[in-house]
Amino acid sequence: MLLEGFGTLLWLLNLAMLVLAVIALFLSATAREDAYRAADKQTKKFWLIILGVTVAVNLFVPMLFLQIAGLVATIVFMVDVRPAVHAISGGGNRGGGSSSDGPYGPYNGGR
């Protein structure tokens, strides 16, 4: 009974790693190529290959070492690369202000 519970836990962890990798792959595929260069990150092609291999490993190769390496790459993308690319692409404006807003208010004098 204990082994069944442990097997279920490992299956859920594997599923969570797969879902996170698929989301990261989708987000990297939908970002603009020039935003990667502007953010001074690796190229879009690099991240598509790394994250695609991560998804393939999670689906077809049940080797924990490779899955953990893919998880590290996925976390690096989600925590470091995606926010930088998102901010360059114009998605960093979360306050709802206009594109002419600076850090202390609008550059256009409030017009």
PDB file of N, CA and C in Angstrom:
ATOM      1  N   MET A   1       0.822  -1.186   0.000  1.00  0.00           N
ATOM      2  CA  MET A   1       0.000   0.000   0.000  1.00  0.00           C
ATOM      3  C   MET A   1       0.873   1.261   0.000  1.00  0.00           C
ATOM      4  N   LEU A   2       1.947   1.227   0.749  1.00  0.00           N
ATOM      5  CA  LEU A   2       2.844   2.380   0.797  1.00  0.00           C
ATOM      6  C   LEU A   2       3.504   2.615  -0.550  1.00  0.00           C
ATOM      7  N   LEU A   3       3.857   1.537  -1.247  1.00  0.00           N
ATOM      8  CA  LEU A   3       4.477   1.676  -2.560  1.00  0.00           C
ATOM      9  C   LEU A   3       3.501   2.224  -3.589  1.00  0.00           C
ATOM     10  N   GLU A   4       2.235   1.876  -3.472  1.00  0.00           N
ATOM     11  CA  GLU A   4       1.237   2.428  -4.379  1.00  0.00           C
ATOM     12  C   GLU A   4       1.102   3.938  -4.188  1.00  0.00           C
ATOM     13  N   GLY A   5       1.115   4.383  -2.952  1.00  0.00           N
ATOM     14  CA  GLY A   5       1.042   5.811  -2.671  1.00  0.00           C
ATOM     15  C   GLY A   5       2.265   6.546  -3.181  1.00  0.00           C
ATOM     16  N   PHE A   6       3.441   5.943  -3.026  1.00  0.00           N
ATOM     17  CA  PHE A   6       4.667   6.550  -3.526  1.00  0.00           C
ATOM     18  C   PHE A   6       4.649   6.600  -5.053  1.00  0.00           C
ATOM     19  N   GLY A   7       4.144   5.552  -5.689  1.00  0.00           N
ATOM     20  CA  GLY A   7       4.029   5.537  -7.147  1.00  0.00           C
ATOM     21  C   GLY A   7       3.083   6.617  -7.643  1.00  0.00           C
ATOM     22  N   THR A   8       1.988   6.815  -6.920  1.00  0.00           N
ATOM     23  CA  THR A   8       1.043   7.868  -7.276  1.00  0.00           C
ATOM     24  C   THR A   8       1.685   9.246  -7.123  1.00  0.00           C
ATOM     25  N   LEU A   9       2.463   9.437  -6.061  1.00  0.00           N
ATOM     26  CA  LEU A   9       3.156  10.709  -5.843  1.00  0.00           C
ATOM     27  C   LEU A   9       4.147  10.984  -6.971  1.00  0.00           C
ATOM     28  N   LEU A  10       4.909   9.990  -7.354  1.00  0.00           N
ATOM     29  CA  LEU A  10       5.859  10.162  -8.456  1.00  0.00           C
ATOM     30  C   LEU A  10       5.139  10.453  -9.764  1.00  0.00           C
ATOM     31  N   TRP A  11       4.007   9.800  -9.997  1.00  0.00           N
ATOM     32  CA  TRP A  11       3.238  10.053 -11.211  1.00  0.00           C
ATOM     33  C   TRP A  11       2.730  11.492 -11.240  1.00  0.00           C
ATOM     34  N   LEU A  12       2.258  11.993 -10.097  1.00  0.00           N
ATOM     35  CA  LEU A  12       1.772  13.371 -10.030  1.00  0.00           C
ATOM     36  C   LEU A  12       2.910  14.375 -10.235  1.00  0.00           C
ATOM     37  N   LEU A  13       4.087  14.098  -9.665  1.00  0.00           N
ATOM     38  CA  LEU A  13       5.240  14.971  -9.881  1.00  0.00           C
ATOM     39  C   LEU A  13       5.653  14.977 -11.345  1.00  0.00           C
ATOM     40  N   ASN A  14       5.636  13.809 -11.974  1.00  0.00           N
ATOM     41  CA  ASN A  14       5.969  13.712 -13.394  1.00  0.00           C
ATOM     42  C   ASN A  14       4.963  14.493 -14.235  1.00  0.00           C
ATOM     43  N   LEU A  15       3.704  14.389 -13.891  1.00  0.00           N
ATOM     44  CA  LEU A  15       2.658  15.130 -14.604  1.00  0.00           C
ATOM     45  C   LEU A  15       2.838  16.640 -14.429  1.00  0.00           C
ATOM     46  N   ALA A  16       3.173  17.068 -13.218  1.00  0.00           N
ATOM     47  CA  ALA A  16       3.384  18.490 -12.965  1.00  0.00           C
ATOM     48  C   ALA A  16       4.577  19.018 -13.761  1.00  0.00           C
ATOM     49  N   MET A  17       5.663  18.242 -13.829  1.00  0.00           N
ATOM     50  CA  MET A  17       6.832  18.658 -14.617  1.00  0.00           C
ATOM     51  C   MET A  17       6.484  18.739 -16.096  1.00  0.00           C
ATOM     52  N   LEU A  18       5.692  17.806 -16.583  1.00  0.00           N
ATOM     53  CA  LEU A  18       5.286  17.808 -17.983  1.00  0.00           C
ATOM     54  C   LEU A  18       4.416  19.023 -18.292  1.00  0.00           C
ATOM     55  N   VAL A  19       3.449  19.309 -17.447  1.00  0.00           N
ATOM     56  CA  VAL A  19       2.552  20.446 -17.677  1.00  0.00           C
ATOM     57  C   VAL A  19       3.342  21.756 -17.659  1.00  0.00           C
ATOM     58  N   LEU A  20       4.257  21.917 -16.713  1.00  0.00           N
ATOM     59  CA  LEU A  20       5.068  23.124 -16.638  1.00  0.00           C
ATOM     60  C   LEU A  20       5.942  23.275 -17.882  1.00  0.00           C
ATOM     61  N   ALA A  21       6.512  22.171 -18.358  1.00  0.00           N
ATOM     62  CA  ALA A  21       7.353  22.221 -19.559  1.00  0.00           C
ATOM     63  C   ALA A  21       6.527  22.557 -20.799  1.00  0.00           C
ATOM     64  N   VAL A  22       5.324  22.025 -20.904  1.00  0.00           N
ATOM     65  CA  VAL A  22       4.466  22.328 -22.054  1.00  0.00           C
ATOM     66  C   VAL A  22       4.057  23.802 -22.036  1.00  0.00           C
ATOM     67  N   ILE A  23       3.740  24.327 -20.869  1.00  0.00           N
ATOM     68  CA  ILE A  23       3.383  25.748 -20.761  1.00  0.00           C
ATOM     69  C   ILE A  23       4.571  26.620 -21.153  1.00  0.00           C
ATOM     70  N   ALA A  24       5.762  26.276 -20.665  1.00  0.00           N
ATOM     71  CA  ALA A  24       6.965  27.052 -21.005  1.00  0.00           C
ATOM     72  C   ALA A  24       7.249  26.973 -22.500  1.00  0.00           C
ATOM     73  N   LEU A  25       7.062  25.806 -23.097  1.00  0.00           N
ATOM     74  CA  LEU A  25       7.275  25.650 -24.536  1.00  0.00           C
ATOM     75  C   LEU A  25       6.291  26.523 -25.318  1.00  0.00           C
ATOM     76  N   PHE A  26       5.041  26.539 -24.905  1.00  0.00           N
ATOM     77  CA  PHE A  26       4.039  27.374 -25.566  1.00  0.00           C
ATOM     78  C   PHE A  26       4.379  28.854 -25.441  1.00  0.00           C
ATOM     79  N   LEU A  27       4.772  29.281 -24.245  1.00  0.00           N
ATOM     80  CA  LEU A  27       5.113  30.690 -24.032  1.00  0.00           C
ATOM     81  C   LEU A  27       6.346  31.095 -24.824  1.00  0.00           C
ATOM     82  N   SER A  28       7.313  30.200 -24.935  1.00  0.00           N
ATOM     83  CA  SER A  28       8.513  30.532 -25.721  1.00  0.00           C
ATOM     84  C   SER A  28       8.189  30.581 -27.209  1.00  0.00           C
ATOM     85  N   ALA A  29       7.260  29.757 -27.646  1.00  0.00           N
ATOM     86  CA  ALA A  29       6.897  29.743 -29.066  1.00  0.00           C
ATOM     87  C   ALA A  29       6.090  30.975 -29.460  1.00  0.00           C
ATOM     88  N   THR A  30       5.348  31.538 -28.524  1.00  0.00           N
ATOM     89  CA  THR A  30       4.500  32.681 -28.860  1.00  0.00           C
ATOM     90  C   THR A  30       5.193  34.027 -28.679  1.00  0.00           C
ATOM     91  N   ALA A  31       6.379  34.034 -28.092  1.00  0.00           N
ATOM     92  CA  ALA A  31       7.113  35.292 -27.912  1.00  0.00           C
ATOM     93  C   ALA A  31       7.818  35.674 -29.210  1.00  0.00           C
ATOM     94  N   ARG A  32       8.090  36.962 -29.357  1.00  0.00           N
ATOM     95  CA  ARG A  32       8.764  37.461 -30.562  1.00  0.00           C
ATOM     96  C   ARG A  32      10.255  37.145 -30.502  1.00  0.00           C
ATOM     97  N   GLU A  33      10.836  36.843 -31.668  1.00  0.00           N
ATOM     98  CA  GLU A  33      12.269  36.536 -31.756  1.00  0.00           C
ATOM     99  C   GLU A  33      13.121  37.732 -31.359  1.00  0.00           C
ATOM    100  N   ASP A  34      12.749  38.923 -31.804  1.00  0.00           N
ATOM    101  CA  ASP A  34      13.567  40.101 -31.504  1.00  0.00           C
ATOM    102  C   ASP A  34      13.544  40.466 -30.026  1.00  0.00           C
ATOM    103  N   ALA A  35      12.527  40.056 -29.300  1.00  0.00           N
ATOM    104  CA  ALA A  35      12.471  40.342 -27.868  1.00  0.00           C
ATOM    105  C   ALA A  35      13.544  39.567 -27.109  1.00  0.00           C
ATOM    106  N   TYR A  36      13.879  38.365 -27.566  1.00  0.00           N
ATOM    107  CA  TYR A  36      14.949  37.590 -26.933  1.00  0.00           C
ATOM    108  C   TYR A  36      16.282  38.324 -27.080  1.00  0.00           C
ATOM    109  N   ARG A  37      16.555  38.839 -28.276  1.00  0.00           N
ATOM    110  CA  ARG A  37      17.805  39.579 -28.499  1.00  0.00           C
ATOM    111  C   ARG A  37      17.818  40.878 -27.716  1.00  0.00           C
ATOM    112  N   ALA A  38      16.690  41.584 -27.687  1.00  0.00           N
ATOM    113  CA  ALA A  38      16.624  42.856 -26.968  1.00  0.00           C
ATOM    114  C   ALA A  38      16.791  42.658 -25.463  1.00  0.00           C
ATOM    115  N   ALA A  39      16.325  41.531 -24.949  1.00  0.00           N
ATOM    116  CA  ALA A  39      16.457  41.239 -23.523  1.00  0.00           C
ATOM    117  C   ALA A  39      17.824  40.628 -23.200  1.00  0.00           C
ATOM    118  N   ASP A  40      18.665  40.441 -24.215  1.00  0.00           N
ATOM    119  CA  ASP A  40      20.004  39.874 -24.064  1.00  0.00           C
ATOM    120  C   ASP A  40      19.952  38.465 -23.462  1.00  0.00           C
ATOM    121  N   LYS A  41      19.045  37.653 -24.017  1.00  0.00           N
ATOM    122  CA  LYS A  41      18.900  36.254 -23.606  1.00  0.00           C
ATOM    123  C   LYS A  41      19.279  35.372 -24.786  1.00  0.00           C
ATOM    124  N   GLN A  42      19.313  34.064 -24.572  1.00  0.00           N
ATOM    125  CA  GLN A  42      19.561  33.139 -25.668  1.00  0.00           C
ATOM    126  C   GLN A  42      18.454  33.301 -26.713  1.00  0.00           C
ATOM    127  N   THR A  43      18.672  32.750 -27.881  1.00  0.00           N
ATOM    128  CA  THR A  43      17.717  32.928 -28.971  1.00  0.00           C
ATOM    129  C   THR A  43      16.436  32.129 -28.735  1.00  0.00           C
ATOM    130  N   LYS A  44      15.422  32.492 -29.487  1.00  0.00           N
ATOM    131  CA  LYS A  44      14.144  31.780 -29.415  1.00  0.00           C
ATOM    132  C   LYS A  44      14.326  30.328 -29.830  1.00  0.00           C
ATOM    133  N   LYS A  45      15.128  30.101 -30.865  1.00  0.00           N
ATOM    134  CA  LYS A  45      15.384  28.748 -31.342  1.00  0.00           C
ATOM    135  C   LYS A  45      16.019  27.890 -30.248  1.00  0.00           C
ATOM    136  N   PHE A  46      16.978  28.461 -29.513  1.00  0.00           N
ATOM    137  CA  PHE A  46      17.633  27.749 -28.411  1.00  0.00           C
ATOM    138  C   PHE A  46      16.604  27.290 -27.389  1.00  0.00           C
ATOM    139  N   TRP A  47      15.725  28.204 -26.954  1.00  0.00           N
ATOM    140  CA  TRP A  47      14.750  27.857 -25.931  1.00  0.00           C
ATOM    141  C   TRP A  47      13.700  26.880 -26.452  1.00  0.00           C
ATOM    142  N   LEU A  48      13.333  27.009 -27.727  1.00  0.00           N
ATOM    143  CA  LEU A  48      12.385  26.035 -28.290  1.00  0.00           C
ATOM    144  C   LEU A  48      12.982  24.632 -28.302  1.00  0.00           C
ATOM    145  N   ILE A  49      14.265  24.531 -28.634  1.00  0.00           N
ATOM    146  CA  ILE A  49      14.922  23.216 -28.649  1.00  0.00           C
ATOM    147  C   ILE A  49      15.025  22.655 -27.236  1.00  0.00           C
ATOM    148  N   ILE A  50      15.519  23.462 -26.298  1.00  0.00           N
ATOM    149  CA  ILE A  50      15.687  22.997 -24.915  1.00  0.00           C
ATOM    150  C   ILE A  50      14.347  22.571 -24.314  1.00  0.00           C
ATOM    151  N   LEU A  51      13.339  23.400 -24.476  1.00  0.00           N
ATOM    152  CA  LEU A  51      12.038  23.084 -23.880  1.00  0.00           C
ATOM    153  C   LEU A  51      11.332  21.953 -24.628  1.00  0.00           C
ATOM    154  N   GLY A  52      11.547  21.856 -25.940  1.00  0.00           N
ATOM    155  CA  GLY A  52      10.991  20.727 -26.689  1.00  0.00           C
ATOM    156  C   GLY A  52      11.608  19.402 -26.266  1.00  0.00           C
ATOM    157  N   VAL A  53      12.913  19.393 -26.063  1.00  0.00           N
ATOM    158  CA  VAL A  53      13.585  18.182 -25.567  1.00  0.00           C
ATOM    159  C   VAL A  53      13.090  17.853 -24.166  1.00  0.00           C
ATOM    160  N   THR A  54      12.850  18.871 -23.355  1.00  0.00           N
ATOM    161  CA  THR A  54      12.333  18.637 -22.006  1.00  0.00           C
ATOM    162  C   THR A  54      10.958  17.976 -22.050  1.00  0.00           C
ATOM    163  N   VAL A  55      10.093  18.443 -22.928  1.00  0.00           N
ATOM    164  CA  VAL A  55       8.772  17.825 -23.063  1.00  0.00           C
ATOM    165  C   VAL A  55       8.908  16.383 -23.547  1.00  0.00           C
ATOM    166  N   ALA A  56       9.779  16.150 -24.527  1.00  0.00           N
ATOM    167  CA  ALA A  56       9.981  14.795 -25.048  1.00  0.00           C
ATOM    168  C   ALA A  56      10.532  13.859 -23.970  1.00  0.00           C
ATOM    169  N   VAL A  57      11.474  14.354 -23.177  1.00  0.00           N
ATOM    170  CA  VAL A  57      12.036  13.525 -22.103  1.00  0.00           C
ATOM    171  C   VAL A  57      10.960  13.194 -21.082  1.00  0.00           C
ATOM    172  N   ASN A  58      10.152  14.178 -20.716  1.00  0.00           N
ATOM    173  CA  ASN A  58       9.095  13.914 -19.744  1.00  0.00           C
ATOM    174  C   ASN A  58       8.053  12.931 -20.276  1.00  0.00           C
ATOM    175  N   LEU A  59       7.839  12.926 -21.576  1.00  0.00           N
ATOM    176  CA  LEU A  59       6.851  12.008 -22.149  1.00  0.00           C
ATOM    177  C   LEU A  59       7.396  10.606 -22.378  1.00  0.00           C
ATOM    178  N   PHE A  60       8.633  10.513 -22.883  1.00  0.00           N
ATOM    179  CA  PHE A  60       9.107   9.231 -23.402  1.00  0.00           C
ATOM    180  C   PHE A  60      10.272   8.602 -22.651  1.00  0.00           C
ATOM    181  N   VAL A  61      11.019   9.359 -21.861  1.00  0.00           N
ATOM    182  CA  VAL A  61      12.214   8.817 -21.198  1.00  0.00           C
ATOM    183  C   VAL A  61      12.058   8.968 -19.686  1.00  0.00           C
ATOM    184  N   PRO A  62      11.712   7.902 -19.005  1.00  0.00           N
ATOM    185  CA  PRO A  62      11.491   8.016 -17.556  1.00  0.00           C
ATOM    186  C   PRO A  62      12.797   7.973 -16.750  1.00  0.00           C
ATOM    187  N   MET A  63      13.749   8.834 -17.111  1.00  0.00           N
ATOM    188  CA  MET A  63      15.008   8.913 -16.368  1.00  0.00           C
ATOM    189  C   MET A  63      14.963  10.175 -15.517  1.00  0.00           C
ATOM    190  N   LEU A  64      14.975   9.989 -14.212  1.00  0.00           N
ATOM    191  CA  LEU A  64      14.790  11.096 -13.294  1.00  0.00           C
ATOM    192  C   LEU A  64      15.853  12.171 -13.461  1.00  0.00           C
ATOM    193  N   PHE A  65      17.092  11.802 -13.736  1.00  0.00           N
ATOM    194  CA  PHE A  65      18.161  12.791 -13.899  1.00  0.00           C
ATOM    195  C   PHE A  65      17.862  13.726 -15.063  1.00  0.00           C
ATOM    196  N   LEU A  66      17.432  13.174 -16.190  1.00  0.00           N
ATOM    197  CA  LEU A  66      17.107  13.998 -17.352  1.00  0.00           C
ATOM    198  C   LEU A  66      15.873  14.860 -17.097  1.00  0.00           C
ATOM    199  N   GLN A  67      14.916  14.305 -16.367  1.00  0.00           N
ATOM    200  CA  GLN A  67      13.722  15.074 -16.046  1.00  0.00           C
ATOM    201  C   GLN A  67      14.039  16.244 -15.123  1.00  0.00           C
ATOM    202  N   ILE A  68      14.932  16.045 -14.177  1.00  0.00           N
ATOM    203  CA  ILE A  68      15.319  17.125 -13.275  1.00  0.00           C
ATOM    204  C   ILE A  68      16.100  18.194 -14.033  1.00  0.00           C
ATOM    205  N   ALA A  69      16.983  17.781 -14.956  1.00  0.00           N
ATOM    206  CA  ALA A  69      17.709  18.759 -15.774  1.00  0.00           C
ATOM    207  C   ALA A  69      16.730  19.588 -16.609  1.00  0.00           C
ATOM    208  N   GLY A  70      15.717  18.945 -17.160  1.00  0.00           N
ATOM    209  CA  GLY A  70      14.685  19.663 -17.905  1.00  0.00           C
ATOM    210  C   GLY A  70      13.873  20.585 -17.017  1.00  0.00           C
ATOM    211  N   LEU A  71      13.614  20.153 -15.793  1.00  0.00           N
ATOM    212  CA  LEU A  71      12.883  20.997 -14.846  1.00  0.00           C
ATOM    213  C   LEU A  71      13.680  22.257 -14.515  1.00  0.00           C
ATOM    214  N   VAL A  72      14.989  22.113 -14.359  1.00  0.00           N
ATOM    215  CA  VAL A  72      15.840  23.277 -14.092  1.00  0.00           C
ATOM    216  C   VAL A  72      15.783  24.246 -15.278  1.00  0.00           C
ATOM    217  N   ALA A  73      15.872  23.723 -16.492  1.00  0.00           N
ATOM    218  CA  ALA A  73      15.791  24.584 -17.680  1.00  0.00           C
ATOM    219  C   ALA A  73      14.432  25.275 -17.761  1.00  0.00           C
ATOM    220  N   THR A  74      13.376  24.567 -17.441  1.00  0.00           N
ATOM    221  CA  THR A  74      12.035  25.140 -17.467  1.00  0.00           C
ATOM    222  C   THR A  74      11.892  26.255 -16.436  1.00  0.00           C
ATOM    223  N   ILE A  75      12.424  26.021 -15.246  1.00  0.00           N
ATOM    224  CA  ILE A  75      12.344  27.033 -14.192  1.00  0.00           C
ATOM    225  C   ILE A  75      13.155  28.266 -14.577  1.00  0.00           C
ATOM    226  N   VAL A  76      14.334  28.072 -15.166  1.00  0.00           N
ATOM    227  CA  VAL A  76      15.145  29.206 -15.610  1.00  0.00           C
ATOM    228  C   VAL A  76      14.374  30.019 -16.646  1.00  0.00           C
ATOM    229  N   PHE A  77      13.725  29.337 -17.578  1.00  0.00           N
ATOM    230  CA  PHE A  77      12.939  30.058 -18.585  1.00  0.00           C
ATOM    231  C   PHE A  77      11.809  30.847 -17.929  1.00  0.00           C
ATOM    232  N   MET A  78      11.057  30.201 -17.047  1.00  0.00           N
ATOM    233  CA  MET A  78       9.882  30.847 -16.463  1.00  0.00           C
ATOM    234  C   MET A  78      10.238  31.991 -15.516  1.00  0.00           C
ATOM    235  N   VAL A  79      11.372  31.888 -14.820  1.00  0.00           N
ATOM    236  CA  VAL A  79      11.721  32.878 -13.805  1.00  0.00           C
ATOM    237  C   VAL A  79      12.588  33.996 -14.364  1.00  0.00           C
ATOM    238  N   ASP A  80      13.462  33.692 -15.323  1.00  0.00           N
ATOM    239  CA  ASP A  80      14.415  34.679 -15.810  1.00  0.00           C
ATOM    240  C   ASP A  80      14.093  35.170 -17.224  1.00  0.00           C
ATOM    241  N   VAL A  81      13.950  34.259 -18.156  1.00  0.00           N
ATOM    242  CA  VAL A  81      13.826  34.635 -19.566  1.00  0.00           C
ATOM    243  C   VAL A  81      12.446  35.195 -19.874  1.00  0.00           C
ATOM    244  N   ARG A  82      11.408  34.510 -19.472  1.00  0.00           N
ATOM    245  CA  ARG A  82      10.057  34.944 -19.828  1.00  0.00           C
ATOM    246  C   ARG A  82       9.722  36.346 -19.316  1.00  0.00           C
ATOM    247  N   PRO A  83      10.013  36.693 -18.049  1.00  0.00           N
ATOM    248  CA  PRO A  83       9.703  38.062 -17.629  1.00  0.00           C
ATOM    249  C   PRO A  83      10.466  39.125 -18.423  1.00  0.00           C
ATOM    250  N   ALA A  84      11.718  38.845 -18.769  1.00  0.00           N
ATOM    251  CA  ALA A  84      12.502  39.818 -19.539  1.00  0.00           C
ATOM    252  C   ALA A  84      11.941  39.971 -20.943  1.00  0.00           C
ATOM    253  N   VAL A  85      11.618  38.868 -21.582  1.00  0.00           N
ATOM    254  CA  VAL A  85      11.063  38.909 -22.933  1.00  0.00           C
ATOM    255  C   VAL A  85       9.675  39.548 -22.913  1.00  0.00           C
ATOM    256  N   HIS A  86       8.905  39.239 -21.904  1.00  0.00           N
ATOM    257  CA  HIS A  86       7.550  39.789 -21.780  1.00  0.00           C
ATOM    258  C   HIS A  86       7.601  41.305 -21.592  1.00  0.00           C
ATOM    259  N   ALA A  87       8.548  41.780 -20.803  1.00  0.00           N
ATOM    260  CA  ALA A  87       8.677  43.222 -20.584  1.00  0.00           C
ATOM    261  C   ALA A  87       9.112  43.937 -21.857  1.00  0.00           C
ATOM    262  N   ILE A  88      10.003  43.324 -22.629  1.00  0.00           N
ATOM    263  CA  ILE A  88      10.457  43.921 -23.887  1.00  0.00           C
ATOM    264  C   ILE A  88       9.325  43.946 -24.905  1.00  0.00           C
ATOM    265  N   SER A  89       8.497  42.915 -24.896  1.00  0.00           N
ATOM    266  CA  SER A  89       7.409  42.798 -25.871  1.00  0.00           C
ATOM    267  C   SER A  89       6.258  43.750 -25.593  1.00  0.00           C
ATOM    268  N   GLY A  90       6.336  44.500 -24.519  1.00  0.00           N
ATOM    269  CA  GLY A  90       5.257  45.425 -24.194  1.00  0.00           C
ATOM    270  C   GLY A  90       4.294  44.870 -23.189  1.00  0.00           C
ATOM    271  N   GLY A  91       4.591  43.738 -22.613  1.00  0.00           N
ATOM    272  CA  GLY A  91       3.701  43.145 -21.630  1.00  0.00           C
ATOM    273  C   GLY A  91       4.026  43.532 -20.211  1.00  0.00           C
ATOM    274  N   GLY A  92       5.037  44.355 -20.004  1.00  0.00           N
ATOM    275  CA  GLY A  92       5.434  44.716 -18.662  1.00  0.00           C
ATOM    276  C   GLY A  92       4.584  45.807 -18.040  1.00  0.00           C
ATOM    277  N   ASN A  93       3.630  46.333 -18.777  1.00  0.00           N
ATOM    278  CA  ASN A  93       2.793  47.423 -18.311  1.00  0.00           C
ATOM    279  C   ASN A  93       1.596  46.837 -17.559  1.00  0.00           C
ATOM    280  N   ARG A  94       1.751  46.526 -16.275  1.00  0.00           N
ATOM    281  CA  ARG A  94       0.687  45.895 -15.509  1.00  0.00           C
ATOM    282  C   ARG A  94      -0.200  46.891 -14.792  1.00  0.00           C
ATOM    283  N   GLY A  95       0.221  48.127 -14.708  1.00  0.00           N
ATOM    284  CA  GLY A  95      -0.554  49.112 -13.974  1.00  0.00           C
ATOM    285  C   GLY A  95      -1.741  49.646 -14.744  1.00  0.00           C
ATOM    286  N   GLY A  96      -1.834  49.368 -16.015  1.00  0.00           N
ATOM    287  CA  GLY A  96      -2.947  49.821 -16.803  1.00  0.00           C
ATOM    288  C   GLY A  96      -2.760  51.211 -17.363  1.00  0.00           C
ATOM    289  N   GLY A  97      -1.570  51.791 -17.218  1.00  0.00           N
ATOM    290  CA  GLY A  97      -1.319  53.124 -17.744  1.00  0.00           C
ATOM    291  C   GLY A  97      -1.024  53.076 -19.227  1.00  0.00           C
ATOM    292  N   SER A  98      -0.757  54.240 -19.784  1.00  0.00           N
ATOM    293  CA  SER A  98      -0.465  54.282 -21.212  1.00  0.00           C
ATOM    294  C   SER A  98       1.001  53.965 -21.456  1.00  0.00           C
ATOM    295  N   SER A  99       1.361  53.840 -22.726  1.00  0.00           N
ATOM    296  CA  SER A  99       2.739  53.507 -23.071  1.00  0.00           C
ATOM    297  C   SER A  99       3.679  54.680 -22.862  1.00  0.00           C
ATOM    298  N   SER A 100       3.139  55.885 -22.641  1.00  0.00           N
ATOM    299  CA  SER A 100       3.993  57.047 -22.416  1.00  0.00           C
ATOM    300  C   SER A 100       4.248  57.293 -20.933  1.00  0.00           C
ATOM    301  N   ASP A 101       3.777  56.404 -20.069  1.00  0.00           N
ATOM    302  CA  ASP A 101       3.990  56.572 -18.637  1.00  0.00           C
ATOM    303  C   ASP A 101       5.417  56.205 -18.262  1.00  0.00           C
ATOM    304  N   GLY A 102       6.019  57.038 -17.457  1.00  0.00           N
ATOM    305  CA  GLY A 102       7.341  56.766 -16.924  1.00  0.00           C
ATOM    306  C   GLY A 102       7.225  56.224 -15.516  1.00  0.00           C
ATOM    307  N   PRO A 103       8.334  56.095 -14.803  1.00  0.00           N
ATOM    308  CA  PRO A 103       8.274  55.530 -13.459  1.00  0.00           C
ATOM    309  C   PRO A 103       7.584  56.445 -12.448  1.00  0.00           C
ATOM    310  N   TYR A 104       7.520  57.754 -12.736  1.00  0.00           N
ATOM    311  CA  TYR A 104       6.907  58.697 -11.804  1.00  0.00           C
ATOM    312  C   TYR A 104       5.696  59.399 -12.394  1.00  0.00           C
ATOM    313  N   GLY A 105       5.181  58.919 -13.476  1.00  0.00           N
ATOM    314  CA  GLY A 105       4.009  59.522 -14.087  1.00  0.00           C
ATOM    315  C   GLY A 105       4.181  59.641 -15.578  1.00  0.00           C
ATOM    316  N   PRO A 106       3.218  60.262 -16.243  1.00  0.00           N
ATOM    317  CA  PRO A 106       3.276  60.349 -17.706  1.00  0.00           C
ATOM    318  C   PRO A 106       4.340  61.333 -18.184  1.00  0.00           C
ATOM    319  N   TYR A 107       4.989  60.986 -19.297  1.00  0.00           N
ATOM    320  CA  TYR A 107       5.979  61.848 -19.898  1.00  0.00           C
ATOM    321  C   TYR A 107       5.345  63.013 -20.671  1.00  0.00           C
ATOM    322  N   ASN A 108       4.091  62.872 -21.032  1.00  0.00           N
ATOM    323  CA  ASN A 108       3.437  63.870 -21.872  1.00  0.00           C
ATOM    324  C   ASN A 108       2.711  64.946 -21.073  1.00  0.00           C
ATOM    325  N   GLY A 109       3.023  65.088 -19.798  1.00  0.00           N
ATOM    326  CA  GLY A 109       2.409  66.134 -18.992  1.00  0.00           C
ATOM    327  C   GLY A 109       0.993  65.833 -18.547  1.00  0.00           C
ATOM    328  N   GLY A 110       0.577  64.586 -18.593  1.00  0.00           N
ATOM    329  CA  GLY A 110      -0.754  64.205 -18.134  1.00  0.00           C
ATOM    330  C   GLY A 110      -1.842  64.353 -19.162  1.00  0.00           C
ATOM    331  N   ARG A 111      -1.480  64.553 -20.422  1.00  0.00           N
ATOM    332  CA  ARG A 111      -2.497  64.712 -21.467  1.00  0.00           C
ATOM    333  C   ARG A 111      -3.069  63.396 -21.857  1.00  0.00           C
TER     334      ARG A 111
END
